[in-house]
């Protein structure tokens, strides 16, 4: 999904993000200020929602693993 965001930016000749993490807070603010055609912007927005969803799911699984590991000792 992150590669797809990068591909959209490249396809629309958006310069490389000057920040270390395009998907962190500062990088996302920079991304929000880039001019993209409406359809491409919708795609980026959808991809960011998917990235956030999967990040949340991963955090839950990691929490469950940590809880399980601490109770099985």
PDB file of N, CA and C in Angstrom:
ATOM      1  N   UNK A   1       0.827  -1.183   0.000  1.00  0.00           N
ATOM      2  CA  UNK A   1       0.000   0.000   0.000  1.00  0.00           C
ATOM      3  C   UNK A   1       0.877   1.254   0.000  1.00  0.00           C
ATOM      4  N   UNK A   2       1.956   1.192   0.770  1.00  0.00           N
ATOM      5  CA  UNK A   2       2.867   2.343   0.781  1.00  0.00           C
ATOM      6  C   UNK A   2       3.508   2.525  -0.592  1.00  0.00           C
ATOM      7  N   UNK A   3       3.854   1.411  -1.226  1.00  0.00           N
ATOM      8  CA  UNK A   3       4.425   1.504  -2.573  1.00  0.00           C
ATOM      9  C   UNK A   3       3.428   2.111  -3.553  1.00  0.00           C
ATOM     10  N   UNK A   4       2.148   1.809  -3.366  1.00  0.00           N
ATOM     11  CA  UNK A   4       1.129   2.377  -4.243  1.00  0.00           C
ATOM     12  C   UNK A   4       1.036   3.888  -4.059  1.00  0.00           C
ATOM     13  N   UNK A   5       1.149   4.364  -2.819  1.00  0.00           N
ATOM     14  CA  UNK A   5       1.155   5.808  -2.578  1.00  0.00           C
ATOM     15  C   UNK A   5       2.355   6.437  -3.270  1.00  0.00           C
ATOM     16  N   UNK A   6       3.518   5.830  -3.107  1.00  0.00           N
ATOM     17  CA  UNK A   6       4.722   6.350  -3.766  1.00  0.00           C
ATOM     18  C   UNK A   6       4.551   6.361  -5.291  1.00  0.00           C
ATOM     19  N   UNK A   7       3.928   5.334  -5.834  1.00  0.00           N
ATOM     20  CA  UNK A   7       3.704   5.270  -7.285  1.00  0.00           C
ATOM     21  C   UNK A   7       2.784   6.398  -7.750  1.00  0.00           C
ATOM     22  N   UNK A   8       1.753   6.687  -6.975  1.00  0.00           N
ATOM     23  CA  UNK A   8       0.842   7.782  -7.335  1.00  0.00           C
ATOM     24  C   UNK A   8       1.600   9.101  -7.340  1.00  0.00           C
ATOM     25  N   UNK A   9       2.419   9.315  -6.326  1.00  0.00           N
ATOM     26  CA  UNK A   9       3.193  10.559  -6.267  1.00  0.00           C
ATOM     27  C   UNK A   9       4.146  10.657  -7.454  1.00  0.00           C
ATOM     28  N   UNK A  10       4.814   9.569  -7.763  1.00  0.00           N
ATOM     29  CA  UNK A  10       5.744   9.547  -8.884  1.00  0.00           C
ATOM     30  C   UNK A  10       5.026   9.788 -10.207  1.00  0.00           C
ATOM     31  N   UNK A  11       3.898   9.129 -10.380  1.00  0.00           N
ATOM     32  CA  UNK A  11       3.115   9.252 -11.613  1.00  0.00           C
ATOM     33  C   UNK A  11       2.664  10.699 -11.837  1.00  0.00           C
ATOM     34  N   UNK A  12       2.467  11.436 -10.740  1.00  0.00           N
ATOM     35  CA  UNK A  12       1.999  12.813 -10.831  1.00  0.00           C
ATOM     36  C   UNK A  12       3.124  13.828 -10.648  1.00  0.00           C
ATOM     37  N   UNK A  13       4.363  13.331 -10.748  1.00  0.00           N
ATOM     38  CA  UNK A  13       5.562  14.165 -10.702  1.00  0.00           C
ATOM     39  C   UNK A  13       5.668  15.000  -9.425  1.00  0.00           C
ATOM     40  N   UNK A  14       5.194  14.449  -8.329  1.00  0.00           N
ATOM     41  CA  UNK A  14       5.330  15.106  -7.030  1.00  0.00           C
ATOM     42  C   UNK A  14       6.757  14.855  -6.558  1.00  0.00           C
ATOM     43  N   UNK A  15       7.459  15.896  -6.108  1.00  0.00           N
ATOM     44  CA  UNK A  15       8.835  15.699  -5.655  1.00  0.00           C
ATOM     45  C   UNK A  15       8.896  14.794  -4.426  1.00  0.00           C
ATOM     46  N   UNK A  16      10.058  14.243  -4.185  1.00  0.00           N
ATOM     47  CA  UNK A  16      10.264  13.358  -3.039  1.00  0.00           C
ATOM     48  C   UNK A  16       9.984  14.107  -1.743  1.00  0.00           C
ATOM     49  N   UNK A  17       9.347  13.439  -0.831  1.00  0.00           N
ATOM     50  CA  UNK A  17       9.030  14.021   0.475  1.00  0.00           C
ATOM     51  C   UNK A  17      10.328  14.394   1.189  1.00  0.00           C
ATOM     52  N   UNK A  18      10.418  15.623   1.692  1.00  0.00           N
ATOM     53  CA  UNK A  18      11.644  16.048   2.370  1.00  0.00           C
ATOM     54  C   UNK A  18      11.767  15.495   3.793  1.00  0.00           C
ATOM     55  N   UNK A  19      10.773  14.787   4.255  1.00  0.00           N
ATOM     56  CA  UNK A  19      10.765  14.271   5.621  1.00  0.00           C
ATOM     57  C   UNK A  19      11.132  12.791   5.629  1.00  0.00           C
ATOM     58  N   UNK A  20      11.634  12.330   6.733  1.00  0.00           N
ATOM     59  CA  UNK A  20      12.111  10.956   6.850  1.00  0.00           C
ATOM     60  C   UNK A  20      11.014   9.933   6.621  1.00  0.00           C
ATOM     61  N   UNK A  21       9.848  10.176   7.190  1.00  0.00           N
ATOM     62  CA  UNK A  21       8.765   9.198   7.121  1.00  0.00           C
ATOM     63  C   UNK A  21       7.529   9.830   6.491  1.00  0.00           C
ATOM     64  N   UNK A  22       7.265   9.476   5.254  1.00  0.00           N
ATOM     65  CA  UNK A  22       6.100  10.006   4.550  1.00  0.00           C
ATOM     66  C   UNK A  22       4.810   9.647   5.262  1.00  0.00           C
ATOM     67  N   UNK A  23       4.804   8.553   5.993  1.00  0.00           N
ATOM     68  CA  UNK A  23       3.576   8.063   6.600  1.00  0.00           C
ATOM     69  C   UNK A  23       3.460   8.419   8.079  1.00  0.00           C
ATOM     70  N   UNK A  24       4.408   9.185   8.594  1.00  0.00           N
ATOM     71  CA  UNK A  24       4.315   9.715   9.950  1.00  0.00           C
ATOM     72  C   UNK A  24       3.524  11.020   9.937  1.00  0.00           C
ATOM     73  N   UNK A  25       3.410  11.653  11.073  1.00  0.00           N
ATOM     74  CA  UNK A  25       2.601  12.866  11.194  1.00  0.00           C
ATOM     75  C   UNK A  25       3.043  13.993  10.278  1.00  0.00           C
ATOM     76  N   UNK A  26       4.325  14.335  10.311  1.00  0.00           N
ATOM     77  CA  UNK A  26       4.837  15.432   9.485  1.00  0.00           C
ATOM     78  C   UNK A  26       4.749  15.078   8.007  1.00  0.00           C
ATOM     79  N   UNK A  27       5.100  13.847   7.678  1.00  0.00           N
ATOM     80  CA  UNK A  27       5.033  13.401   6.285  1.00  0.00           C
ATOM     81  C   UNK A  27       3.616  13.424   5.747  1.00  0.00           C
ATOM     82  N   UNK A  28       2.670  13.022   6.569  1.00  0.00           N
ATOM     83  CA  UNK A  28       1.265  13.038   6.120  1.00  0.00           C
ATOM     84  C   UNK A  28       0.759  14.464   5.934  1.00  0.00           C
ATOM     85  N   UNK A  29       1.203  15.381   6.791  1.00  0.00           N
ATOM     86  CA  UNK A  29       0.812  16.785   6.586  1.00  0.00           C
ATOM     87  C   UNK A  29       1.387  17.301   5.271  1.00  0.00           C
ATOM     88  N   UNK A  30       2.637  16.927   4.979  1.00  0.00           N
ATOM     89  CA  UNK A  30       3.247  17.318   3.711  1.00  0.00           C
ATOM     90  C   UNK A  30       2.452  16.710   2.553  1.00  0.00           C
ATOM     91  N   UNK A  31       2.105  15.441   2.681  1.00  0.00           N
ATOM     92  CA  UNK A  31       1.355  14.736   1.645  1.00  0.00           C
ATOM     93  C   UNK A  31       0.006  15.404   1.403  1.00  0.00           C
ATOM     94  N   UNK A  32      -0.654  15.836   2.459  1.00  0.00           N
ATOM     95  CA  UNK A  32      -1.968  16.465   2.328  1.00  0.00           C
ATOM     96  C   UNK A  32      -1.900  17.780   1.551  1.00  0.00           C
ATOM     97  N   UNK A  33      -0.732  18.395   1.518  1.00  0.00           N
ATOM     98  CA  UNK A  33      -0.575  19.675   0.813  1.00  0.00           C
ATOM     99  C   UNK A  33      -0.134  19.531  -0.638  1.00  0.00           C
ATOM    100  N   UNK A  34       0.004  18.306  -1.114  1.00  0.00           N
ATOM    101  CA  UNK A  34       0.417  18.090  -2.494  1.00  0.00           C
ATOM    102  C   UNK A  34      -0.802  18.109  -3.414  1.00  0.00           C
ATOM    103  N   UNK A  35      -0.634  18.765  -4.548  1.00  0.00           N
ATOM    104  CA  UNK A  35      -1.729  18.870  -5.522  1.00  0.00           C
ATOM    105  C   UNK A  35      -1.787  17.591  -6.350  1.00  0.00           C
ATOM    106  N   UNK A  36      -2.883  16.876  -6.210  1.00  0.00           N
ATOM    107  CA  UNK A  36      -3.112  15.660  -6.990  1.00  0.00           C
ATOM    108  C   UNK A  36      -4.474  15.752  -7.644  1.00  0.00           C
ATOM    109  N   UNK A  37      -4.647  15.114  -8.798  1.00  0.00           N
ATOM    110  CA  UNK A  37      -5.990  15.037  -9.385  1.00  0.00           C
ATOM    111  C   UNK A  37      -6.942  14.359  -8.392  1.00  0.00           C
ATOM    112  N   UNK A  38      -8.214  14.690  -8.484  1.00  0.00           N
ATOM    113  CA  UNK A  38      -9.203  14.204  -7.521  1.00  0.00           C
ATOM    114  C   UNK A  38      -9.205  12.689  -7.384  1.00  0.00           C
ATOM    115  N   UNK A  39      -9.119  11.965  -8.500  1.00  0.00           N
ATOM    116  CA  UNK A  39      -9.153  10.503  -8.416  1.00  0.00           C
ATOM    117  C   UNK A  39      -7.912   9.955  -7.720  1.00  0.00           C
ATOM    118  N   UNK A  40      -6.775  10.558  -7.980  1.00  0.00           N
ATOM    119  CA  UNK A  40      -5.534  10.119  -7.336  1.00  0.00           C
ATOM    120  C   UNK A  40      -5.570  10.447  -5.846  1.00  0.00           C
ATOM    121  N   UNK A  41      -6.127  11.594  -5.493  1.00  0.00           N
ATOM    122  CA  UNK A  41      -6.230  11.970  -4.084  1.00  0.00           C
ATOM    123  C   UNK A  41      -7.136  10.993  -3.335  1.00  0.00           C
ATOM    124  N   UNK A  42      -8.240  10.599  -3.973  1.00  0.00           N
ATOM    125  CA  UNK A  42      -9.128   9.608  -3.357  1.00  0.00           C
ATOM    126  C   UNK A  42      -8.389   8.286  -3.148  1.00  0.00           C
ATOM    127  N   UNK A  43      -7.578   7.907  -4.110  1.00  0.00           N
ATOM    128  CA  UNK A  43      -6.802   6.666  -3.979  1.00  0.00           C
ATOM    129  C   UNK A  43      -5.802   6.765  -2.830  1.00  0.00           C
ATOM    130  N   UNK A  44      -5.102   7.888  -2.731  1.00  0.00           N
ATOM    131  CA  UNK A  44      -4.152   8.082  -1.632  1.00  0.00           C
ATOM    132  C   UNK A  44      -4.888   8.038  -0.300  1.00  0.00           C
ATOM    133  N   UNK A  45      -6.010   8.720  -0.205  1.00  0.00           N
ATOM    134  CA  UNK A  45      -6.791   8.726   1.037  1.00  0.00           C
ATOM    135  C   UNK A  45      -7.221   7.313   1.421  1.00  0.00           C
ATOM    136  N   UNK A  46      -7.689   6.542   0.444  1.00  0.00           N
ATOM    137  CA  UNK A  46      -8.112   5.168   0.708  1.00  0.00           C
ATOM    138  C   UNK A  46      -6.929   4.309   1.156  1.00  0.00           C
ATOM    139  N   UNK A  47      -5.792   4.478   0.520  1.00  0.00           N
ATOM    140  CA  UNK A  47      -4.606   3.706   0.894  1.00  0.00           C
ATOM    141  C   UNK A  47      -4.151   4.062   2.306  1.00  0.00           C
ATOM    142  N   UNK A  48      -4.209   5.335   2.660  1.00  0.00           N
ATOM    143  CA  UNK A  48      -3.829   5.738   4.016  1.00  0.00           C
ATOM    144  C   UNK A  48      -4.778   5.140   5.054  1.00  0.00           C
ATOM    145  N   UNK A  49      -6.069   5.094   4.725  1.00  0.00           N
ATOM    146  CA  UNK A  49      -7.022   4.456   5.642  1.00  0.00           C
ATOM    147  C   UNK A  49      -6.691   2.971   5.819  1.00  0.00           C
ATOM    148  N   UNK A  50      -6.319   2.307   4.730  1.00  0.00           N
ATOM    149  CA  UNK A  50      -5.968   0.888   4.805  1.00  0.00           C
ATOM    150  C   UNK A  50      -4.697   0.693   5.630  1.00  0.00           C
ATOM    151  N   UNK A  51      -3.712   1.558   5.426  1.00  0.00           N
ATOM    152  CA  UNK A  51      -2.469   1.481   6.199  1.00  0.00           C
ATOM    153  C   UNK A  51      -2.778   1.645   7.683  1.00  0.00           C
ATOM    154  N   UNK A  52      -3.623   2.617   8.018  1.00  0.00           N
ATOM    155  CA  UNK A  52      -3.995   2.836   9.419  1.00  0.00           C
ATOM    156  C   UNK A  52      -4.740   1.639   9.990  1.00  0.00           C
ATOM    157  N   UNK A  53      -5.665   1.087   9.221  1.00  0.00           N
ATOM    158  CA  UNK A  53      -6.429  -0.073   9.681  1.00  0.00           C
ATOM    159  C   UNK A  53      -5.491  -1.233   9.991  1.00  0.00           C
ATOM    160  N   UNK A  54      -4.600  -1.542   9.072  1.00  0.00           N
ATOM    161  CA  UNK A  54      -3.695  -2.670   9.271  1.00  0.00           C
ATOM    162  C   UNK A  54      -2.726  -2.398  10.418  1.00  0.00           C
ATOM    163  N   UNK A  55      -2.323  -1.153  10.583  1.00  0.00           N
ATOM    164  CA  UNK A  55      -1.471  -0.799  11.719  1.00  0.00           C
ATOM    165  C   UNK A  55      -2.185  -1.024  13.035  1.00  0.00           C
ATOM    166  N   UNK A  56      -3.458  -0.649  13.095  1.00  0.00           N
ATOM    167  CA  UNK A  56      -4.255  -0.874  14.310  1.00  0.00           C
ATOM    168  C   UNK A  56      -4.414  -2.367  14.597  1.00  0.00           C
ATOM    169  N   UNK A  57      -4.685  -3.142  13.552  1.00  0.00           N
ATOM    170  CA  UNK A  57      -4.823  -4.590  13.723  1.00  0.00           C
ATOM    171  C   UNK A  57      -3.522  -5.203  14.226  1.00  0.00           C
ATOM    172  N   UNK A  58      -2.416  -4.771  13.671  1.00  0.00           N
ATOM    173  CA  UNK A  58      -1.121  -5.286  14.101  1.00  0.00           C
ATOM    174  C   UNK A  58      -0.848  -4.927  15.556  1.00  0.00           C
ATOM    175  N   UNK A  59      -1.194  -3.721  15.957  1.00  0.00           N
ATOM    176  CA  UNK A  59      -1.000  -3.307  17.348  1.00  0.00           C
ATOM    177  C   UNK A  59      -1.812  -4.189  18.296  1.00  0.00           C
ATOM    178  N   UNK A  60      -3.039  -4.530  17.906  1.00  0.00           N
ATOM    179  CA  UNK A  60      -3.862  -5.404  18.743  1.00  0.00           C
ATOM    180  C   UNK A  60      -3.244  -6.793  18.878  1.00  0.00           C
ATOM    181  N   UNK A  61      -2.758  -7.335  17.774  1.00  0.00           N
ATOM    182  CA  UNK A  61      -2.131  -8.662  17.811  1.00  0.00           C
ATOM    183  C   UNK A  61      -0.878  -8.620  18.680  1.00  0.00           C
ATOM    184  N   UNK A  62      -0.069  -7.579  18.538  1.00  0.00           N
ATOM    185  CA  UNK A  62       1.139  -7.471  19.350  1.00  0.00           C
ATOM    186  C   UNK A  62       0.788  -7.344  20.834  1.00  0.00           C
ATOM    187  N   UNK A  63      -0.279  -6.613  21.138  1.00  0.00           N
ATOM    188  CA  UNK A  63      -0.724  -6.491  22.528  1.00  0.00           C
ATOM    189  C   UNK A  63      -1.150  -7.859  23.067  1.00  0.00           C
ATOM    190  N   UNK A  64      -1.936  -8.589  22.274  1.00  0.00           N
ATOM    191  CA  UNK A  64      -2.381  -9.916  22.699  1.00  0.00           C
ATOM    192  C   UNK A  64      -1.195 -10.849  22.934  1.00  0.00           C
ATOM    193  N   UNK A  65      -0.210 -10.778  22.086  1.00  0.00           N
ATOM    194  CA  UNK A  65       0.988 -11.612  22.243  1.00  0.00           C
ATOM    195  C   UNK A  65       1.722 -11.238  23.527  1.00  0.00           C
ATOM    196  N   UNK A  66       1.852  -9.937  23.779  1.00  0.00           N
ATOM    197  CA  UNK A  66       2.542  -9.480  24.988  1.00  0.00           C
ATOM    198  C   UNK A  66       1.803  -9.928  26.239  1.00  0.00           C
ATOM    199  N   UNK A  67       0.489  -9.816  26.240  1.00  0.00           N
ATOM    200  CA  UNK A  67      -0.316 -10.250  27.390  1.00  0.00           C
ATOM    201  C   UNK A  67      -0.161 -11.752  27.583  1.00  0.00           C
ATOM    202  N   UNK A  68      -0.246 -12.514  26.516  1.00  0.00           N
ATOM    203  CA  UNK A  68      -0.109 -13.956  26.602  1.00  0.00           C
ATOM    204  C   UNK A  68       1.276 -14.347  27.097  1.00  0.00           C
ATOM    205  N   UNK A  69       2.288 -13.666  26.610  1.00  0.00           N
ATOM    206  CA  UNK A  69       3.657 -13.998  27.029  1.00  0.00           C
ATOM    207  C   UNK A  69       3.882 -13.688  28.503  1.00  0.00           C
ATOM    208  N   UNK A  70       3.248 -12.635  29.006  1.00  0.00           N
ATOM    209  CA  UNK A  70       3.452 -12.264  30.407  1.00  0.00           C
ATOM    210  C   UNK A  70       2.656 -13.146  31.360  1.00  0.00           C
ATOM    211  N   UNK A  71       1.584 -13.769  30.885  1.00  0.00           N
ATOM    212  CA  UNK A  71       0.768 -14.606  31.773  1.00  0.00           C
ATOM    213  C   UNK A  71       1.177 -16.078  31.732  1.00  0.00           C
ATOM    214  N   UNK A  72       1.987 -16.481  30.775  1.00  0.00           N
ATOM    215  CA  UNK A  72       2.376 -17.896  30.678  1.00  0.00           C
ATOM    216  C   UNK A  72       3.685 -18.187  31.397  1.00  0.00           C
ATOM    217  N   UNK A  73       4.250 -17.219  32.036  1.00  0.00           N
ATOM    218  CA  UNK A  73       5.532 -17.456  32.715  1.00  0.00           C
ATOM    219  C   UNK A  73       5.337 -18.166  33.991  1.00  0.00           C
TER     220      UNK A  73
END
